[in-house]
């Protein structure tokens, strides 16, 4: 199977590593979320597309860091995810009011961003 063609990466030494990292990240995300590999691409978002939030998101991020040896020193969980139970209407409203956060303020994490973190070994 030619992964360069399948994933639409250009051919260069850096893109070859990006290909390998993408395949590893895609497999990891599939295993962690139960999502079919065929539904995952570089633009797939953890929260918005796969529903990864709260404790599940925390577990995902920790496992990702351990498996890929990514330094999370500069990773701020609340910039990317809501806490567990935030989608309970009352909890959600209190959370937004308390932290003055709107849904649009959270930064989406894509598989492409995960591949970048794997390549750099840091967030």
N, C-alpha and C. Protein backbone atom coordinates (compact mmCIF):
# COMPACT_ATOMS: atom_id res chain seq x y z
N UNK A 1 0.85 -1.17 0.00
CA UNK A 1 0.00 0.00 0.00
C UNK A 1 0.89 1.23 0.00
N UNK A 2 0.65 2.15 -0.89
CA UNK A 2 1.43 3.38 -0.99
C UNK A 2 0.77 4.45 -0.13
N UNK A 3 1.33 4.69 1.07
CA UNK A 3 0.73 5.65 1.99
C UNK A 3 0.85 7.07 1.49
N UNK A 4 1.84 7.36 0.66
CA UNK A 4 1.95 8.72 0.12
C UNK A 4 0.72 9.06 -0.71
N UNK A 5 0.27 8.14 -1.51
CA UNK A 5 -0.92 8.37 -2.33
C UNK A 5 -2.17 8.37 -1.46
N UNK A 6 -2.27 7.41 -0.56
CA UNK A 6 -3.46 7.28 0.28
C UNK A 6 -3.70 8.52 1.13
N UNK A 7 -2.65 9.12 1.69
CA UNK A 7 -2.81 10.23 2.61
C UNK A 7 -2.52 11.58 1.98
N UNK A 8 -2.18 11.60 0.70
CA UNK A 8 -1.95 12.84 -0.05
C UNK A 8 -0.79 13.67 0.49
N UNK A 9 0.24 13.03 1.00
CA UNK A 9 1.44 13.74 1.42
C UNK A 9 2.38 13.83 0.24
N UNK A 10 3.20 14.87 0.22
CA UNK A 10 4.22 14.97 -0.81
C UNK A 10 5.39 14.09 -0.43
N UNK A 11 6.25 13.81 -1.39
CA UNK A 11 7.37 12.92 -1.12
C UNK A 11 8.62 13.72 -0.80
N UNK A 12 9.05 13.64 0.42
CA UNK A 12 10.31 14.21 0.89
C UNK A 12 10.65 13.49 2.18
N UNK A 13 11.90 13.59 2.64
CA UNK A 13 12.23 12.91 3.89
C UNK A 13 11.32 13.33 5.05
N UNK A 14 11.02 14.63 5.15
CA UNK A 14 10.14 15.09 6.22
C UNK A 14 8.73 14.55 6.06
N UNK A 15 8.24 14.51 4.82
CA UNK A 15 6.88 14.03 4.62
C UNK A 15 6.79 12.53 4.85
N UNK A 16 7.87 11.80 4.61
CA UNK A 16 7.87 10.37 4.91
C UNK A 16 7.66 10.15 6.40
N UNK A 17 8.34 10.95 7.23
CA UNK A 17 8.15 10.85 8.68
C UNK A 17 6.75 11.29 9.07
N UNK A 18 6.23 12.32 8.40
CA UNK A 18 4.85 12.76 8.67
C UNK A 18 3.87 11.64 8.35
N UNK A 19 4.11 10.92 7.25
CA UNK A 19 3.28 9.78 6.88
C UNK A 19 3.28 8.72 7.98
N UNK A 20 4.47 8.35 8.43
CA UNK A 20 4.60 7.33 9.47
C UNK A 20 3.91 7.80 10.74
N UNK A 21 4.16 9.05 11.13
CA UNK A 21 3.53 9.58 12.34
C UNK A 21 2.01 9.64 12.21
N UNK A 22 1.53 10.03 11.03
CA UNK A 22 0.08 10.07 10.83
C UNK A 22 -0.53 8.68 11.00
N UNK A 23 0.09 7.69 10.40
CA UNK A 23 -0.45 6.33 10.50
C UNK A 23 -0.47 5.86 11.96
N UNK A 24 0.59 6.16 12.69
CA UNK A 24 0.65 5.78 14.11
C UNK A 24 -0.41 6.52 14.92
N UNK A 25 -0.53 7.82 14.69
CA UNK A 25 -1.52 8.63 15.41
C UNK A 25 -2.93 8.16 15.05
N UNK A 26 -3.18 7.92 13.78
CA UNK A 26 -4.51 7.47 13.34
C UNK A 26 -4.87 6.15 14.03
N UNK A 27 -3.93 5.21 14.09
CA UNK A 27 -4.20 3.93 14.76
C UNK A 27 -4.47 4.14 16.24
N UNK A 28 -3.68 5.00 16.88
CA UNK A 28 -3.86 5.29 18.30
C UNK A 28 -5.25 5.89 18.56
N UNK A 29 -5.63 6.88 17.77
CA UNK A 29 -6.93 7.54 17.94
C UNK A 29 -8.05 6.53 17.72
N UNK A 30 -7.92 5.68 16.73
CA UNK A 30 -8.92 4.66 16.46
C UNK A 30 -9.08 3.74 17.66
N UNK A 31 -7.96 3.29 18.23
CA UNK A 31 -8.01 2.40 19.39
C UNK A 31 -8.60 3.09 20.61
N UNK A 32 -8.23 4.34 20.83
CA UNK A 32 -8.68 5.07 22.02
C UNK A 32 -10.16 5.46 21.95
N UNK A 33 -10.65 5.74 20.75
CA UNK A 33 -12.01 6.25 20.61
C UNK A 33 -13.00 5.25 20.05
N UNK A 34 -12.50 4.14 19.51
CA UNK A 34 -13.38 3.17 18.88
C UNK A 34 -13.90 3.62 17.52
N UNK A 35 -13.23 4.60 16.93
CA UNK A 35 -13.62 5.13 15.63
C UNK A 35 -12.91 4.36 14.53
N UNK A 36 -13.62 4.04 13.48
CA UNK A 36 -13.04 3.34 12.34
C UNK A 36 -11.91 4.18 11.73
N UNK A 37 -10.80 3.52 11.40
CA UNK A 37 -9.66 4.20 10.78
C UNK A 37 -10.09 4.93 9.52
N UNK A 38 -11.02 4.35 8.78
CA UNK A 38 -11.45 4.96 7.52
C UNK A 38 -12.13 6.31 7.71
N UNK A 39 -12.58 6.61 8.92
CA UNK A 39 -13.25 7.88 9.20
C UNK A 39 -12.30 8.94 9.74
N UNK A 40 -11.03 8.61 9.88
CA UNK A 40 -10.06 9.54 10.48
C UNK A 40 -9.15 10.13 9.42
N UNK A 41 -8.95 11.43 9.49
CA UNK A 41 -8.01 12.12 8.59
C UNK A 41 -7.32 13.24 9.37
N UNK A 42 -6.44 13.95 8.73
CA UNK A 42 -5.67 15.00 9.40
C UNK A 42 -6.55 16.10 9.98
N UNK A 43 -7.74 16.29 9.45
CA UNK A 43 -8.63 17.36 9.91
C UNK A 43 -9.65 16.90 10.94
N UNK A 44 -9.67 15.62 11.28
CA UNK A 44 -10.61 15.12 12.28
C UNK A 44 -10.30 15.76 13.62
N UNK A 45 -11.34 16.30 14.27
CA UNK A 45 -11.19 16.98 15.56
C UNK A 45 -11.62 16.05 16.69
N UNK A 46 -10.80 15.99 17.74
CA UNK A 46 -11.09 15.09 18.86
C UNK A 46 -12.42 15.40 19.52
N UNK A 47 -12.62 16.63 19.90
CA UNK A 47 -13.82 17.00 20.63
C UNK A 47 -15.05 17.07 19.73
N UNK A 48 -14.96 17.88 18.71
CA UNK A 48 -16.11 18.16 17.87
C UNK A 48 -16.56 16.97 17.03
N UNK A 49 -15.62 16.23 16.47
CA UNK A 49 -15.97 15.11 15.58
C UNK A 49 -16.06 13.77 16.30
N UNK A 50 -15.24 13.58 17.33
CA UNK A 50 -15.19 12.27 17.99
C UNK A 50 -15.81 12.28 19.38
N UNK A 51 -16.18 13.46 19.88
CA UNK A 51 -16.84 13.55 21.18
C UNK A 51 -15.94 13.30 22.37
N UNK A 52 -14.64 13.49 22.22
CA UNK A 52 -13.70 13.29 23.32
C UNK A 52 -13.74 14.53 24.21
N UNK A 53 -14.20 14.38 25.46
CA UNK A 53 -14.32 15.48 26.42
C UNK A 53 -14.08 14.97 27.83
N UNK A 54 -13.93 15.89 28.76
CA UNK A 54 -13.88 15.58 30.18
C UNK A 54 -12.81 14.57 30.56
N UNK A 55 -13.21 13.61 31.41
CA UNK A 55 -12.27 12.59 31.88
C UNK A 55 -11.71 11.76 30.73
N UNK A 56 -12.54 11.49 29.73
CA UNK A 56 -12.06 10.74 28.56
C UNK A 56 -10.96 11.51 27.85
N UNK A 57 -11.12 12.82 27.74
CA UNK A 57 -10.10 13.65 27.10
C UNK A 57 -8.82 13.64 27.92
N UNK A 58 -8.95 13.73 29.24
CA UNK A 58 -7.78 13.70 30.10
C UNK A 58 -7.04 12.37 29.95
N UNK A 59 -7.78 11.27 29.96
CA UNK A 59 -7.16 9.95 29.78
C UNK A 59 -6.49 9.85 28.41
N UNK A 60 -7.16 10.37 27.38
CA UNK A 60 -6.62 10.34 26.02
C UNK A 60 -5.29 11.09 25.96
N UNK A 61 -5.27 12.30 26.50
CA UNK A 61 -4.07 13.14 26.44
C UNK A 61 -2.91 12.49 27.19
N UNK A 62 -3.19 11.93 28.35
CA UNK A 62 -2.14 11.27 29.13
C UNK A 62 -1.59 10.05 28.38
N UNK A 63 -2.47 9.25 27.82
CA UNK A 63 -2.03 8.07 27.06
C UNK A 63 -1.24 8.50 25.83
N UNK A 64 -1.70 9.54 25.14
CA UNK A 64 -1.00 10.06 23.96
C UNK A 64 0.41 10.48 24.34
N UNK A 65 0.54 11.20 25.44
CA UNK A 65 1.85 11.66 25.90
C UNK A 65 2.78 10.49 26.20
N UNK A 66 2.25 9.47 26.85
CA UNK A 66 3.07 8.30 27.21
C UNK A 66 3.46 7.47 25.98
N UNK A 67 2.51 7.20 25.12
CA UNK A 67 2.77 6.36 23.95
C UNK A 67 3.75 7.02 23.00
N UNK A 68 3.60 8.32 22.78
CA UNK A 68 4.42 9.02 21.78
C UNK A 68 5.54 9.86 22.40
N UNK A 69 5.70 9.78 23.73
CA UNK A 69 6.74 10.51 24.44
C UNK A 69 6.70 12.01 24.11
N UNK A 70 5.50 12.60 24.24
CA UNK A 70 5.30 14.02 23.97
C UNK A 70 5.26 14.78 25.29
N UNK A 71 6.08 15.82 25.40
CA UNK A 71 6.14 16.67 26.58
C UNK A 71 4.91 17.58 26.61
N UNK A 72 4.12 17.48 27.68
CA UNK A 72 2.90 18.26 27.81
C UNK A 72 3.04 19.46 28.74
N UNK A 73 4.27 19.88 29.00
CA UNK A 73 4.51 21.00 29.90
C UNK A 73 3.66 22.22 29.55
N UNK A 74 3.50 22.51 28.28
CA UNK A 74 2.78 23.71 27.85
C UNK A 74 1.34 23.42 27.41
N UNK A 75 0.86 22.22 27.69
CA UNK A 75 -0.52 21.86 27.34
C UNK A 75 -1.45 22.31 28.46
N UNK A 76 -2.43 23.15 28.13
CA UNK A 76 -3.42 23.62 29.10
C UNK A 76 -4.77 23.00 28.73
N UNK A 77 -5.17 22.03 29.51
CA UNK A 77 -6.36 21.22 29.22
C UNK A 77 -7.59 22.07 28.89
N UNK A 78 -7.86 23.09 29.71
CA UNK A 78 -9.08 23.89 29.55
C UNK A 78 -9.10 24.73 28.28
N UNK A 79 -7.97 24.86 27.61
CA UNK A 79 -7.96 25.58 26.33
C UNK A 79 -8.53 24.71 25.21
N UNK A 80 -8.57 23.40 25.44
CA UNK A 80 -8.96 22.47 24.38
C UNK A 80 -10.23 21.67 24.67
N UNK A 81 -10.53 21.44 25.94
CA UNK A 81 -11.63 20.56 26.31
C UNK A 81 -12.46 21.15 27.44
N UNK A 82 -13.72 20.69 27.51
CA UNK A 82 -14.58 21.00 28.64
C UNK A 82 -14.39 19.90 29.69
N UNK A 83 -14.62 20.23 30.96
CA UNK A 83 -14.51 19.20 31.99
C UNK A 83 -15.66 18.20 31.90
N UNK A 84 -15.52 17.08 32.59
CA UNK A 84 -16.57 16.06 32.63
C UNK A 84 -17.86 16.69 33.13
N UNK A 85 -18.96 16.36 32.49
CA UNK A 85 -20.26 16.87 32.92
C UNK A 85 -20.58 18.26 32.43
N UNK A 86 -19.71 18.86 31.64
CA UNK A 86 -19.94 20.23 31.18
C UNK A 86 -21.12 20.33 30.23
N UNK A 87 -21.57 19.20 29.70
CA UNK A 87 -22.68 19.26 28.77
C UNK A 87 -24.02 19.03 29.46
N UNK A 88 -24.01 18.83 30.78
CA UNK A 88 -25.22 18.92 31.56
C UNK A 88 -25.61 20.40 31.48
N UNK A 89 -26.84 20.73 31.09
CA UNK A 89 -27.18 22.14 30.85
C UNK A 89 -26.83 23.08 32.00
N UNK A 90 -27.11 22.69 33.23
CA UNK A 90 -26.82 23.57 34.36
C UNK A 90 -25.32 23.68 34.58
N UNK A 91 -24.62 22.56 34.59
CA UNK A 91 -23.16 22.58 34.77
C UNK A 91 -22.49 23.37 33.65
N UNK A 92 -22.97 23.17 32.45
CA UNK A 92 -22.40 23.85 31.28
C UNK A 92 -22.52 25.36 31.42
N UNK A 93 -23.71 25.84 31.80
CA UNK A 93 -23.92 27.29 31.95
C UNK A 93 -23.07 27.85 33.08
N UNK A 94 -22.99 27.13 34.20
CA UNK A 94 -22.16 27.59 35.31
C UNK A 94 -20.69 27.63 34.92
N UNK A 95 -20.24 26.60 34.21
CA UNK A 95 -18.84 26.54 33.77
C UNK A 95 -18.52 27.72 32.86
N UNK A 96 -19.39 27.98 31.90
CA UNK A 96 -19.15 29.09 30.96
C UNK A 96 -19.14 30.42 31.69
N UNK A 97 -20.08 30.60 32.62
CA UNK A 97 -20.16 31.87 33.35
C UNK A 97 -18.95 32.04 34.27
N UNK A 98 -18.61 31.00 35.00
CA UNK A 98 -17.50 31.06 35.95
C UNK A 98 -16.18 31.36 35.26
N UNK A 99 -15.91 30.70 34.15
CA UNK A 99 -14.64 30.87 33.46
C UNK A 99 -14.72 31.82 32.26
N UNK A 100 -15.91 32.41 32.06
CA UNK A 100 -16.12 33.35 30.94
C UNK A 100 -15.63 32.76 29.62
N UNK A 101 -16.08 31.55 29.36
CA UNK A 101 -15.65 30.82 28.17
C UNK A 101 -16.87 30.50 27.32
N UNK A 102 -16.75 30.75 26.04
CA UNK A 102 -17.79 30.32 25.11
C UNK A 102 -17.26 29.09 24.38
N UNK A 103 -18.16 28.32 23.79
CA UNK A 103 -17.74 27.11 23.09
C UNK A 103 -16.73 27.42 22.00
N UNK A 104 -16.89 28.57 21.35
CA UNK A 104 -15.98 28.92 20.26
C UNK A 104 -14.58 29.25 20.75
N UNK A 105 -14.39 29.45 22.05
CA UNK A 105 -13.07 29.79 22.56
C UNK A 105 -12.16 28.57 22.71
N UNK A 106 -12.71 27.39 22.69
CA UNK A 106 -11.86 26.21 22.81
C UNK A 106 -11.16 25.96 21.48
N UNK A 107 -9.90 25.59 21.58
CA UNK A 107 -9.08 25.34 20.40
C UNK A 107 -9.27 23.88 19.99
N UNK A 108 -9.71 23.62 18.77
CA UNK A 108 -9.88 22.22 18.36
C UNK A 108 -8.53 21.52 18.18
N UNK A 109 -8.47 20.28 18.61
CA UNK A 109 -7.27 19.46 18.39
C UNK A 109 -7.59 18.50 17.25
N UNK A 110 -6.85 18.64 16.17
CA UNK A 110 -7.01 17.75 15.02
C UNK A 110 -5.95 16.66 15.05
N UNK A 111 -6.15 15.63 14.27
CA UNK A 111 -5.12 14.61 14.14
C UNK A 111 -3.85 15.23 13.59
N UNK A 112 -3.98 16.21 12.72
CA UNK A 112 -2.82 16.91 12.19
C UNK A 112 -2.00 17.57 13.29
N UNK A 113 -2.70 18.14 14.29
CA UNK A 113 -2.00 18.76 15.42
C UNK A 113 -1.31 17.70 16.26
N UNK A 114 -1.93 16.55 16.41
CA UNK A 114 -1.30 15.45 17.15
C UNK A 114 -0.05 14.96 16.43
N UNK A 115 -0.11 14.86 15.10
CA UNK A 115 1.06 14.44 14.31
C UNK A 115 2.19 15.45 14.50
N UNK A 116 1.85 16.73 14.51
CA UNK A 116 2.85 17.77 14.72
C UNK A 116 3.51 17.63 16.09
N UNK A 117 2.71 17.35 17.12
CA UNK A 117 3.25 17.16 18.47
C UNK A 117 4.16 15.94 18.53
N UNK A 118 3.80 14.88 17.84
CA UNK A 118 4.64 13.68 17.80
C UNK A 118 5.97 14.00 17.13
N UNK A 119 5.93 14.75 16.05
CA UNK A 119 7.15 15.11 15.32
C UNK A 119 8.08 15.96 16.17
N UNK A 120 7.50 16.90 16.93
CA UNK A 120 8.30 17.83 17.74
C UNK A 120 8.62 17.27 19.13
N UNK A 121 7.89 16.22 19.53
CA UNK A 121 8.02 15.62 20.86
C UNK A 121 7.61 16.57 21.98
N UNK A 122 6.82 17.58 21.62
CA UNK A 122 6.30 18.51 22.63
C UNK A 122 5.03 19.15 22.11
N UNK A 123 4.24 19.69 23.02
CA UNK A 123 3.00 20.35 22.64
C UNK A 123 3.29 21.78 22.28
